[in-house]
Protein backbone atom coordinates (compact mmCIF):
# COMPACT_ATOMS: atom_id res chain seq x y z
CA MET A 1 132.74 95.94 82.72
CA ASP A 2 130.11 92.84 82.52
CA LEU A 3 126.98 93.18 85.03
CA SER A 4 127.05 90.02 86.32
CA SER A 5 130.34 89.98 87.38
CA LEU A 6 129.81 93.96 88.75
CA LEU A 7 126.97 92.61 91.06
CA CYS A 8 129.23 89.38 92.20
CA ARG A 9 132.13 92.25 93.52
CA LEU A 10 129.04 94.39 94.83
CA ARG A 11 127.83 91.06 96.68
CA VAL A 12 131.46 90.70 98.41
CA SER A 13 132.58 94.19 98.61
CA SER A 14 128.94 94.41 100.51
CA SER A 15 129.21 91.27 103.29
CA SER A 16 133.43 92.32 104.31
CA ALA A 17 131.90 96.55 104.92
CA ARG A 18 133.77 98.07 102.07
CA LEU A 19 132.24 101.26 100.27
CA PHE A 20 133.91 101.79 96.86
CA HIS A 21 137.05 99.22 97.03
CA LEU A 22 137.65 95.16 97.29
CA PRO A 23 140.50 94.05 99.85
CA ASP A 24 143.24 94.02 98.65
CA ASP A 25 144.72 94.78 95.54
CA SER A 26 141.41 95.17 94.31
CA GLN A 27 139.90 98.13 92.02
CA PRO A 28 137.29 100.49 91.99
CA PHE A 29 134.51 99.97 91.48
CA PRO A 30 133.65 102.30 87.44
CA PRO A 31 131.68 105.44 87.51
CA ILE A 32 128.45 104.72 88.19
CA THR A 33 127.48 106.55 85.41
CA GLU A 34 129.38 104.18 83.13
CA VAL A 35 127.35 101.48 84.82
CA LEU A 36 123.89 103.17 84.28
CA ARG A 37 124.96 103.34 80.84
CA GLN A 38 125.47 99.64 80.35
CA LEU A 39 121.85 98.82 82.07
CA GLN A 40 120.52 101.37 79.89
CA ASP A 41 121.77 99.72 77.13
CA ASN A 42 120.51 95.74 78.15
CA LEU A 43 117.46 97.49 78.98
CA SER A 44 116.89 98.49 75.44
CA GLY A 45 117.32 95.65 74.05
CA VAL A 46 115.05 92.96 75.59
CA ALA A 47 111.80 95.90 75.77
CA GLN A 48 111.68 96.46 71.24
CA ARG A 49 112.04 92.30 71.68
CA ASP A 50 108.24 90.39 72.36
CA ASP A 51 109.12 87.24 72.01
CA CYS A 52 112.06 87.75 75.07
CA ASP A 53 110.29 87.14 78.66
CA SER A 54 112.40 85.33 80.09
CA GLU A 55 115.10 88.07 79.45
CA LYS A 56 113.49 90.48 80.60
CA ALA A 57 112.54 89.49 83.60
CA SER A 58 117.03 88.86 83.42
CA ALA A 59 117.36 92.42 82.98
CA ILE A 60 114.94 93.60 85.21
CA GLY A 61 116.46 91.25 87.65
CA GLN A 62 120.65 92.67 87.33
CA ALA A 63 118.63 96.21 88.20
CA GLU A 64 116.95 95.51 90.65
CA GLN A 65 119.89 93.89 92.59
CA LEU A 66 122.43 96.27 91.58
CA PHE A 67 119.80 98.89 93.46
CA LYS A 68 119.76 97.13 96.32
CA ILE A 69 123.44 95.57 97.39
CA ALA A 70 124.66 98.34 95.40
CA ASP A 71 126.22 101.93 98.37
CA SER A 72 123.69 104.38 98.61
CA HIS A 73 127.02 106.52 98.30
CA TRP A 74 128.39 104.83 95.11
CA LEU A 75 124.99 104.82 93.54
CA THR A 76 124.52 108.85 94.06
CA SER A 77 128.24 109.67 93.56
CA PRO A 78 128.92 112.15 89.64
CA ASP A 79 132.06 110.65 87.83
CA ASP A 80 135.17 112.89 89.71
CA SER A 81 137.03 111.39 86.73
CA ASP A 82 137.27 114.99 85.16
CA GLN A 83 137.84 117.23 87.60
CA THR A 84 138.42 120.05 84.74
CA ASN A 85 136.58 123.54 84.26
CA ASP A 86 134.42 121.89 80.89
CA ALA A 87 132.95 119.36 83.52
CA PRO A 88 132.38 121.34 86.82
CA ALA A 89 129.97 119.45 89.79
CA CYS A 90 126.54 120.96 88.46
CA ALA A 91 127.05 119.21 85.23
CA ARG A 92 128.53 116.02 86.46
CA ARG A 93 124.98 115.30 88.65
CA ALA A 94 123.08 116.48 85.40
CA ALA A 95 124.97 113.52 83.54
CA LEU A 96 123.98 110.99 86.49
CA ALA A 97 120.89 111.86 85.91
CA GLU A 98 120.50 112.22 83.50
CA ALA A 99 121.72 108.35 82.92
CA TYR A 100 119.67 107.20 85.62
CA VAL A 101 116.29 109.18 84.08
CA GLY A 102 117.72 106.75 80.76
CA VAL A 103 117.81 102.83 82.73
CA VAL A 104 114.32 104.31 84.23
CA ARG A 105 113.02 104.68 80.75
CA SER A 106 114.35 102.33 79.92
CA LEU A 107 112.47 100.07 82.88
CA THR A 108 109.34 100.97 82.21
CA ARG A 109 109.09 100.06 78.41
CA CYS A 110 109.66 96.79 79.52
CA ALA A 111 106.02 96.43 80.92
CA ALA A 112 104.68 99.19 78.73
CA LEU A 113 101.26 99.23 76.87
CA PRO A 114 100.34 97.77 73.39
CA ALA A 115 100.97 100.53 71.07
CA CYS A 116 96.83 101.16 69.61
CA GLU A 117 96.62 103.04 66.15
CA ALA A 118 93.24 103.30 66.70
CA ASP A 119 90.31 105.40 69.57
CA SER A 120 88.56 102.19 69.86
CA GLY A 121 91.47 100.62 71.88
CA LEU A 122 92.97 97.05 72.56
CA PRO A 123 91.29 93.56 72.97
CA ASP A 124 91.71 92.50 76.67
CA SER A 125 93.84 89.53 75.27
CA LEU A 126 96.61 91.36 74.19
CA TYR A 127 97.09 93.27 78.02
CA ARG A 128 98.05 89.19 79.22
CA ASP A 129 101.39 89.95 79.93
CA VAL A 130 101.71 93.30 80.81
CA PRO A 131 100.71 92.64 85.04
CA ALA A 132 103.56 90.39 85.54
CA GLY A 133 105.84 92.68 83.81
CA ALA A 134 104.88 95.57 86.13
CA VAL A 135 105.30 94.06 88.98
CA LEU A 136 108.86 93.36 88.84
CA VAL A 137 109.46 96.81 87.31
CA CYS A 138 107.68 98.47 90.47
CA SER A 139 110.22 95.86 92.29
CA ALA A 140 113.48 97.08 90.49
CA LEU A 141 112.18 101.25 91.28
CA CYS A 142 111.12 100.79 94.63
CA SER A 143 114.55 99.15 95.23
CA LEU A 144 116.14 102.86 93.53
CA LEU A 145 114.57 105.06 95.27
CA GLY A 146 115.40 102.85 98.58
CA GLY A 147 118.56 103.76 97.92
CA LEU A 148 118.49 107.08 96.68
CA GLY A 149 116.29 107.92 99.58
CA LEU A 150 118.77 106.00 101.97
CA ALA A 151 121.19 108.58 100.88
CA GLY A 152 119.57 111.71 100.86
CA GLY A 153 118.84 110.52 104.29
CA GLU A 154 122.20 110.87 105.63
CA ALA A 155 122.64 114.48 103.56
CA GLY A 156 120.94 116.24 106.16
CA GLY A 157 123.27 118.92 106.48
CA GLN A 158 122.74 120.02 103.47
CA ASP A 159 120.58 121.95 101.51
CA VAL A 160 118.04 120.11 99.94
CA ARG A 161 118.35 121.58 96.89
CA GLU A 162 121.55 121.02 96.75
CA ALA A 163 122.31 117.35 97.21
CA THR A 164 122.80 115.08 95.13
CA PRO A 165 120.30 112.61 95.92
CA ALA A 166 117.14 114.48 95.55
CA LEU A 167 119.04 116.52 92.39
CA LEU A 168 117.92 112.23 91.11
CA LEU A 169 114.60 112.21 93.58
CA ALA A 170 113.59 114.95 91.50
CA ALA A 171 114.45 113.30 88.28
CA VAL A 172 113.13 110.16 87.94
CA ALA A 173 110.45 110.65 90.25
CA PRO A 174 108.03 111.96 86.81
CA LEU A 175 108.56 108.64 85.32
CA CYS A 176 107.83 107.29 88.43
CA CYS A 177 104.94 108.30 88.92
CA VAL A 178 103.73 108.37 85.52
CA PHE A 179 104.30 103.87 85.58
CA ALA A 180 102.83 104.01 89.14
CA VAL A 181 99.39 105.30 88.28
CA THR A 182 99.29 103.88 85.12
CA HIS A 183 98.99 100.43 87.07
CA LEU A 184 97.11 101.77 89.78
CA GLN A 185 93.97 100.88 88.65
CA GLU A 186 91.71 98.70 87.87
CA GLN A 187 92.08 98.64 83.95
CA PRO A 188 92.64 95.72 81.73
CA TRP A 189 95.55 95.39 81.91
CA THR A 190 96.20 94.84 85.42
CA ASP A 191 95.39 92.75 88.11
CA ALA A 192 95.35 92.47 92.09
CA ARG A 193 98.99 91.35 92.10
CA SER A 194 99.84 94.94 89.52
CA ARG A 195 97.71 96.80 91.21
CA GLU A 196 99.61 96.06 94.84
CA SER A 197 102.88 96.74 93.72
CA ALA A 198 101.94 99.98 91.84
CA GLY A 199 100.14 101.12 95.10
CA HIS A 200 103.89 100.75 97.41
CA LEU A 201 105.93 102.40 94.19
CA LEU A 202 103.53 105.37 94.18
CA SER A 203 104.44 105.47 98.84
CA SER A 204 107.57 104.64 97.96
CA LEU A 205 107.66 107.45 95.95
CA VAL A 206 105.78 109.98 98.41
CA ALA A 207 108.66 108.56 101.28
CA ALA A 208 111.64 108.76 99.06
CA GLY A 209 110.72 112.57 99.52
CA GLY A 210 109.68 113.39 102.43
CA PHE A 211 106.36 114.51 101.45
CA ARG A 212 103.52 113.93 103.82
CA ASP A 213 101.21 112.04 101.60
CA VAL A 214 100.15 112.35 98.12
CA PRO A 215 98.37 115.82 96.83
CA HIS A 216 102.31 116.67 98.86
CA PHE A 217 104.11 114.70 96.49
CA LEU A 218 102.08 117.12 93.77
CA MET A 219 101.51 120.11 94.17
CA GLY A 220 105.16 120.56 96.87
CA ASP A 221 104.86 123.22 98.98
CA GLU A 222 102.99 126.09 98.67
CA GLU A 223 106.12 128.73 99.90
CA GLU A 224 107.76 127.22 97.11
CA SER A 225 104.60 127.82 94.99
CA ALA A 226 104.22 131.06 95.70
CA GLY A 227 107.18 132.26 94.33
CA GLY A 228 106.37 130.74 90.96
CA GLY A 229 109.27 127.95 90.82
CA ARG A 230 108.78 124.15 90.24
CA GLY A 231 110.63 123.38 93.86
CA ARG A 232 109.18 120.16 94.93
CA ALA A 233 106.19 119.88 93.24
CA VAL A 234 106.40 116.71 90.55
CA PHE A 235 102.68 117.92 88.53
CA GLY A 236 105.13 120.03 86.33
CA GLY A 237 107.64 116.56 85.55
CA LEU A 238 104.46 114.55 85.27
CA LEU A 239 102.86 116.90 82.79
CA ASP A 240 106.02 116.84 80.29
CA VAL A 241 106.61 113.21 80.63
CA LEU A 242 103.19 113.10 79.43
CA GLN A 243 103.44 116.45 76.54
CA PRO A 244 104.39 114.22 73.56
CA ASN A 245 101.01 112.50 73.71
CA LEU A 246 98.33 115.25 75.08
CA THR A 247 97.84 116.26 71.28
CA LYS A 248 94.40 115.79 69.64
CA ASP A 249 95.73 112.57 67.83
CA LEU A 250 97.55 110.79 69.88
CA LEU A 251 95.45 111.25 74.00
CA PRO A 252 92.16 109.40 72.39
CA GLN A 253 93.86 106.18 71.49
CA CYS A 254 96.98 106.00 75.09
CA ALA A 255 94.80 104.93 77.55
CA ALA A 256 97.48 105.35 80.09
CA VAL A 257 97.61 108.67 79.27
CA LYS A 258 94.15 109.32 79.58
CA VAL A 259 93.69 107.64 83.39
CA VAL A 260 97.55 109.16 84.47
CA PHE A 261 95.95 112.64 84.17
CA SER A 262 93.41 112.70 84.71
CA TRP A 263 94.23 110.93 87.77
CA ALA A 264 96.99 113.73 88.50
CA LEU A 265 94.60 116.70 87.73
CA LEU A 266 91.88 115.75 89.81
CA GLN A 267 94.03 116.07 93.13
CA MET A 268 95.39 119.28 92.16
CA SER A 269 93.93 122.43 93.92
CA ARG A 270 94.15 125.68 94.59
CA PRO A 271 96.78 127.61 94.51
CA PHE A 272 98.60 125.33 92.69
CA LEU A 273 96.21 124.16 89.74
CA SER A 274 96.86 127.66 88.67
CA HIS A 275 100.12 127.33 87.38
CA HIS A 276 99.94 124.89 85.06
CA LEU A 277 96.57 126.17 83.92
CA PRO A 278 97.27 126.72 80.49
CA ARG A 279 98.78 123.10 79.74
CA VAL A 280 95.41 121.61 81.97
CA VAL A 281 92.30 123.29 80.25
CA SER A 282 94.25 122.11 75.91
CA PRO A 283 93.74 118.29 77.41
CA SER A 284 90.66 118.60 78.88
CA LEU A 285 88.73 120.49 76.34
CA LEU A 286 90.51 117.43 73.46
CA LEU A 287 88.72 115.21 76.30
CA SER A 288 85.14 116.43 76.27
CA ASP A 289 85.16 117.03 72.62
CA HIS A 290 85.57 113.63 71.86
CA TYR A 291 82.68 111.53 69.89
CA ARG A 292 83.58 108.31 72.54
CA PRO A 293 81.15 108.84 75.31
CA GLU A 294 83.33 108.01 78.07
CA ASN A 295 86.05 110.24 76.50
CA CYS A 296 83.57 113.19 76.52
CA ILE A 297 82.62 112.53 80.42
CA LEU A 298 86.29 112.38 81.91
CA GLY A 299 86.91 115.58 80.05
CA ILE A 300 83.75 117.05 81.28
CA ARG A 301 85.35 116.13 84.45
CA CYS A 302 88.55 117.64 84.41
CA LEU A 303 87.24 121.01 82.90
CA HIS A 304 84.63 121.09 85.98
CA HIS A 305 87.64 120.24 88.74
CA ILE A 306 90.02 123.28 87.00
CA VAL A 307 86.31 125.52 86.80
CA LEU A 308 86.48 124.88 90.94
CA GLN A 309 89.40 125.11 91.92
CA THR A 310 91.51 128.35 89.67
CA SER A 311 90.20 131.94 90.52
CA ALA A 312 87.77 133.92 89.24
CA ALA A 313 89.85 135.98 87.68
CA GLU A 314 91.90 133.85 85.98
CA LEU A 315 89.73 131.66 84.28
CA ARG A 316 88.13 134.83 82.19
CA GLN A 317 92.21 135.82 81.49
CA TYR A 318 92.71 134.79 78.32
CA ASN A 319 89.31 134.03 77.45
CA ARG A 320 89.82 130.99 79.37
CA ALA A 321 86.20 131.28 80.64
CA GLU A 322 84.28 131.73 77.51
CA VAL A 323 86.01 128.34 75.67
CA VAL A 324 84.98 125.98 78.15
CA TYR A 325 81.48 127.33 77.99
CA GLN A 326 81.38 127.44 74.33
CA ALA A 327 82.52 123.90 74.43
CA LEU A 328 79.96 122.86 77.02
CA TYR A 329 77.12 124.66 75.82
CA LYS A 330 77.26 122.15 72.53
CA HIS A 331 76.99 119.08 75.27
CA LEU A 332 73.59 120.60 75.84
CA TYR A 333 71.99 118.14 72.92
CA THR A 334 73.06 115.25 73.72
CA THR A 335 70.98 112.47 74.56
CA ASN A 336 73.65 110.58 77.30
CA GLY A 337 72.49 110.50 79.85
CA PRO A 338 75.17 110.30 82.74
CA GLN A 339 76.77 113.17 80.42
CA ILE A 340 74.40 115.71 80.23
CA GLN A 341 74.03 115.24 84.03
CA LEU A 342 77.65 116.58 84.50
CA VAL A 343 77.97 119.41 82.01
CA LEU A 344 74.93 120.60 84.28
CA ALA A 345 76.51 120.30 87.53
CA CYS A 346 79.51 122.22 85.92
CA PHE A 347 77.50 124.68 83.97
CA LEU A 348 75.87 126.49 87.68
CA ASP A 349 79.90 126.68 88.76
CA LEU A 350 80.89 128.17 85.37
CA LEU A 351 77.89 130.60 84.34
CA LEU A 352 79.27 132.31 88.18
CA VAL A 353 82.59 133.19 86.82
CA LEU A 354 81.30 134.30 83.86
CA GLU A 355 78.61 136.71 84.71
CA LYS A 356 76.68 137.74 88.14
CA PRO A 357 73.57 135.31 88.63
CA PRO A 358 70.51 137.75 87.24
CA SER A 359 68.55 139.46 89.23
CA ILE A 360 64.84 139.55 90.38
CA SER A 361 63.02 142.45 88.47
CA GLY A 362 60.29 143.79 90.33
CA PRO A 363 56.60 145.21 88.51
CA GLN A 364 58.61 148.76 88.43
CA GLU A 365 61.58 147.81 87.74
CA VAL A 366 63.36 148.05 83.98
CA PRO A 367 63.53 144.38 83.05
CA ARG A 368 66.75 143.37 82.83
CA LYS A 369 69.12 141.88 79.98
CA PRO A 370 69.18 138.56 78.50
CA CYS A 371 72.76 136.85 79.65
CA ARG A 372 73.97 133.13 79.30
CA HIS A 373 71.69 131.76 82.36
CA ASP A 374 68.67 132.49 79.61
CA ASP A 375 70.42 130.88 76.74
CA VAL A 376 71.22 127.40 78.58
CA VAL A 377 67.38 127.25 79.60
CA ARG A 378 66.67 128.37 76.41
CA LEU A 379 68.31 125.30 75.33
CA LEU A 380 66.90 122.80 77.88
CA LEU A 381 63.20 123.77 76.79
CA THR A 382 63.82 123.58 73.94
CA ASN A 383 65.41 119.50 74.35
CA MET A 384 62.55 118.40 77.80
CA GLU A 385 62.31 115.56 76.07
CA MET A 386 65.89 114.57 77.01
CA GLU A 387 64.20 115.05 80.64
CA HIS A 388 63.21 110.86 80.71
CA LYS A 389 65.99 110.22 79.41
CA THR A 390 68.47 111.62 82.90
CA GLY A 391 67.11 108.85 85.03
CA GLY A 392 64.48 111.23 86.77
CA VAL A 393 67.53 113.50 87.90
CA CYS A 394 66.38 116.42 89.29
CA VAL A 395 68.07 120.25 91.52
CA GLN A 396 66.30 121.16 94.73
CA THR A 397 65.98 125.02 94.87
CA PRO A 398 66.61 126.83 97.56
CA GLU A 399 63.53 128.06 98.52
CA ALA A 400 62.21 124.59 97.11
CA ALA A 401 64.98 123.25 100.19
CA GLY A 402 63.27 125.61 102.88
CA ALA A 403 59.62 124.92 102.27
CA ARG A 404 60.30 122.00 103.08
CA ALA A 405 62.31 122.31 106.00
CA ALA A 406 59.26 124.38 107.23
CA GLY A 407 56.42 121.57 107.09
CA LEU A 408 54.64 123.31 103.74
CA PRO A 409 53.59 121.52 100.79
CA GLY A 410 55.89 121.99 98.24
CA GLY A 411 54.03 123.68 95.63
CA GLU A 412 54.09 126.14 98.37
CA ARG A 413 56.11 129.36 99.83
CA PRO A 414 56.83 130.62 102.64
CA PRO A 415 55.04 134.29 103.69
CA ALA A 416 56.95 137.19 102.15
CA GLY A 417 57.86 138.27 105.96
CA GLU A 418 59.26 134.95 105.95
CA GLN A 419 61.52 134.66 103.23
CA GLN A 420 65.43 135.53 103.44
CA GLU A 421 65.93 138.75 102.69
CA GLN A 422 68.43 137.52 100.39
CA ARG A 423 67.35 136.04 97.59
CA PRO A 424 69.63 131.95 96.79
CA GLY A 425 71.77 132.83 93.90
CA GLY A 426 72.56 136.01 94.99
CA PRO A 427 76.48 138.29 94.91
CA GLY A 428 77.08 136.15 98.44
CA ASP A 429 75.92 132.70 97.36
CA THR A 430 78.67 131.33 95.57
CA ALA A 431 78.08 127.33 96.61
CA PRO A 432 76.95 126.10 93.64
CA CYS A 433 74.09 124.03 93.27
CA GLY A 434 74.30 120.05 93.61
CA LEU A 435 72.51 117.24 91.65
CA ALA A 436 70.19 115.22 94.06
CA PRO A 437 69.88 111.85 93.94
CA ASP A 438 67.49 109.73 92.24
CA GLY A 439 63.53 108.72 93.37
CA PRO A 440 60.61 109.97 93.46
CA ALA A 441 60.57 114.43 92.95
CA PRO A 442 58.90 115.22 95.76
CA CYS A 443 57.27 118.51 95.85
CA GLY A 444 59.07 121.75 95.06
CA ARG A 445 61.63 120.27 93.42
CA VAL A 446 62.33 121.46 89.55
CA PRO A 447 63.05 119.34 87.14
CA ALA A 448 66.74 118.73 84.94
CA VAL A 449 65.64 121.17 82.28
CA PHE A 450 65.90 123.32 84.56
CA VAL A 451 69.35 123.12 87.13
CA ALA A 452 71.21 125.74 84.73
CA ALA A 453 68.97 127.86 86.44
CA ALA A 454 67.98 126.65 89.59
CA GLY A 455 67.74 129.44 92.49
CA ARG A 456 69.56 132.44 90.63
CA LEU A 457 66.64 132.56 87.40
CA VAL A 458 63.27 133.43 88.09
CA ILE A 459 61.33 133.10 84.43
């Protein structure tokens, strides 16, 4: 059946409050899977052409109208025409979910970013038509989520894992989330309208699934995470969508993939991130190893977040922490100010995972063994000329903070009897040291070349 004729029948059916049949001798509606396949073919055809904006808008509008006026029961009803043993109910639901995924994928391709074959990116002029298309696609996807969410609310007596609407939402949510986040932030391919539409789409995703907020949408429930299953969490499905582009050659070229990956990763926290550790460490390392500073900085931020939100035991497993250490160590040679600030901040937390903080040796004790803290400080001392390139960034040691609070000159220390029994950086001090803001360095501060040893190492 032609889509235009079907939409006319749906409007008549909706106005007459009849769900599946038109009055009197009218024929029943075709199965929704058949309609979705036809819709996907139409969208795929116009998405591959660059000179048919009006046809794209018309095809997207048809999809939006279908999801907006069709009855929610019909939208979520698997094809029951074949109920033999070869087509059990679970297979029919899977086929319906696959059809919806195909339509969503075709919709998002109608507003896809231009292909980029170089790491340098594309001129902003090539993104001129993307925001308008993104607004139309966001509107159509919101209509789809509204229909599926309404059907899910009416199926309240069923378990969420057995309800067909919930299965359909789980199938399309990763693709919708990737598209929403791609257009959510200020980028060369977005404008105010497209960012607003993307924000509305993300809110619709959260509401349709019954989630509290975006982190809950990505991470799911703690009970499901503890059981080792994916449950309702979307982060795993989001990584599945991004996975083909999370390679050494494609990742630096796909600007949208970098944006979505870093945004989603930075939303994750303990203990949920641990389940995806093998899949997020490698892309973060690839970004941190890139020659472009913006990619490198993005990768270092991702690695630091992983270090903060993963237990030390899991980081040490399979030698992951050592791999991250080696990847970050070479960045100590950089002359890029913002980059070295992020690297040093990450080192402060990573070194606590790899080894215990160096202890202070008394005059009668055996000198301590060299450690990675020494390697970092040694290299920083070798490159002291970098200090003026970091904008005067420095770190205030806990000893200096105590001296200032006591009103002592920065160069002095409190009397031995007034010092805390446990020195900063001991086994009980696990809080990461932070970079102090720019400005005139008061007395008692140490420059950036000592940041990795601040409060932990006596030279």
